[in-house]
């Protein structure tokens, strides 16, 4: 979006409406990014949990021998 089109939109709709639309777009983008980050972190925690369980199983097998 260039400066001329932004000026035209602000002049037509008004500054508060344009800012609300821009904030809406920004919040939507941040929410989507946060959802991706949470998904990646959940996968990492699940993978770490599996590895920890495997280590515990091996340690228990060695102790019982």
Protein backbone atom coordinates (compact mmCIF):
# COMPACT_ATOMS: atom_id res chain seq x y z
CA UNK A 1 0.00 0.00 0.00
CA UNK A 2 1.57 3.28 -1.07
CA UNK A 3 1.21 6.69 0.56
CA UNK A 4 -1.30 8.04 -1.99
CA UNK A 5 -3.74 5.18 -1.56
CA UNK A 6 -3.40 5.36 2.24
CA UNK A 7 -4.10 9.10 2.15
CA UNK A 8 -7.16 8.49 -0.03
CA UNK A 9 -8.49 5.79 2.29
CA UNK A 10 -7.94 7.95 5.40
CA UNK A 11 -9.61 10.90 3.70
CA UNK A 12 -12.58 8.78 2.66
CA UNK A 13 -13.16 6.65 5.76
CA UNK A 14 -11.54 8.65 8.49
CA UNK A 15 -8.49 8.03 10.63
CA UNK A 16 -10.11 5.98 13.43
CA UNK A 17 -11.72 3.52 11.04
CA UNK A 18 -8.51 3.05 9.06
CA UNK A 19 -6.51 2.51 12.26
CA UNK A 20 -9.05 -0.03 13.53
CA UNK A 21 -8.75 -1.97 10.28
CA UNK A 22 -4.95 -1.87 10.42
CA UNK A 23 -4.96 -3.02 14.06
CA UNK A 24 -7.38 -5.82 13.19
CA UNK A 25 -5.03 -7.04 10.45
CA UNK A 26 -2.04 -6.82 12.82
CA UNK A 27 -3.81 -8.68 15.64
CA UNK A 28 -4.98 -11.40 13.24
CA UNK A 29 -1.43 -11.86 11.95
CA UNK A 30 0.00 -12.02 15.49
CA UNK A 31 -2.67 -14.54 16.56
CA UNK A 32 -1.84 -16.82 13.64
CA UNK A 33 1.89 -16.57 14.41
CA UNK A 34 1.25 -17.34 18.08
CA UNK A 35 -0.83 -20.39 17.16
CA UNK A 36 2.05 -21.73 15.02
CA UNK A 37 4.54 -21.15 17.84
CA UNK A 38 2.33 -22.91 20.38
CA UNK A 39 1.92 -25.87 18.03
CA UNK A 40 5.69 -26.14 17.55
CA UNK A 41 6.31 -25.91 21.30
CA UNK A 42 3.69 -28.56 22.00
CA UNK A 43 5.37 -30.91 19.55
CA UNK A 44 8.75 -30.27 21.18
CA UNK A 45 7.37 -30.99 24.66
CA UNK A 46 5.71 -34.18 23.43
CA UNK A 47 8.94 -35.34 21.80
CA UNK A 48 10.90 -34.59 24.96
CA UNK A 49 8.35 -36.50 27.01
CA UNK A 50 8.78 -39.56 24.79
CA UNK A 51 12.56 -39.40 25.07
CA UNK A 52 12.39 -39.04 28.85
CA UNK A 53 10.10 -42.07 29.08
CA UNK A 54 12.51 -44.11 26.95
CA UNK A 55 15.40 -43.10 29.23
CA UNK A 56 13.43 -44.05 32.32
CA UNK A 57 12.57 -47.43 30.81
CA UNK A 58 16.24 -48.11 30.03
CA UNK A 59 17.35 -47.04 33.48
CA UNK A 60 14.75 -49.26 35.11
CA UNK A 61 15.85 -52.20 32.94
CA UNK A 62 19.48 -51.69 34.03
CA UNK A 63 18.58 -51.41 37.71
CA UNK A 64 16.47 -54.57 37.68
CA UNK A 65 19.30 -56.66 36.18
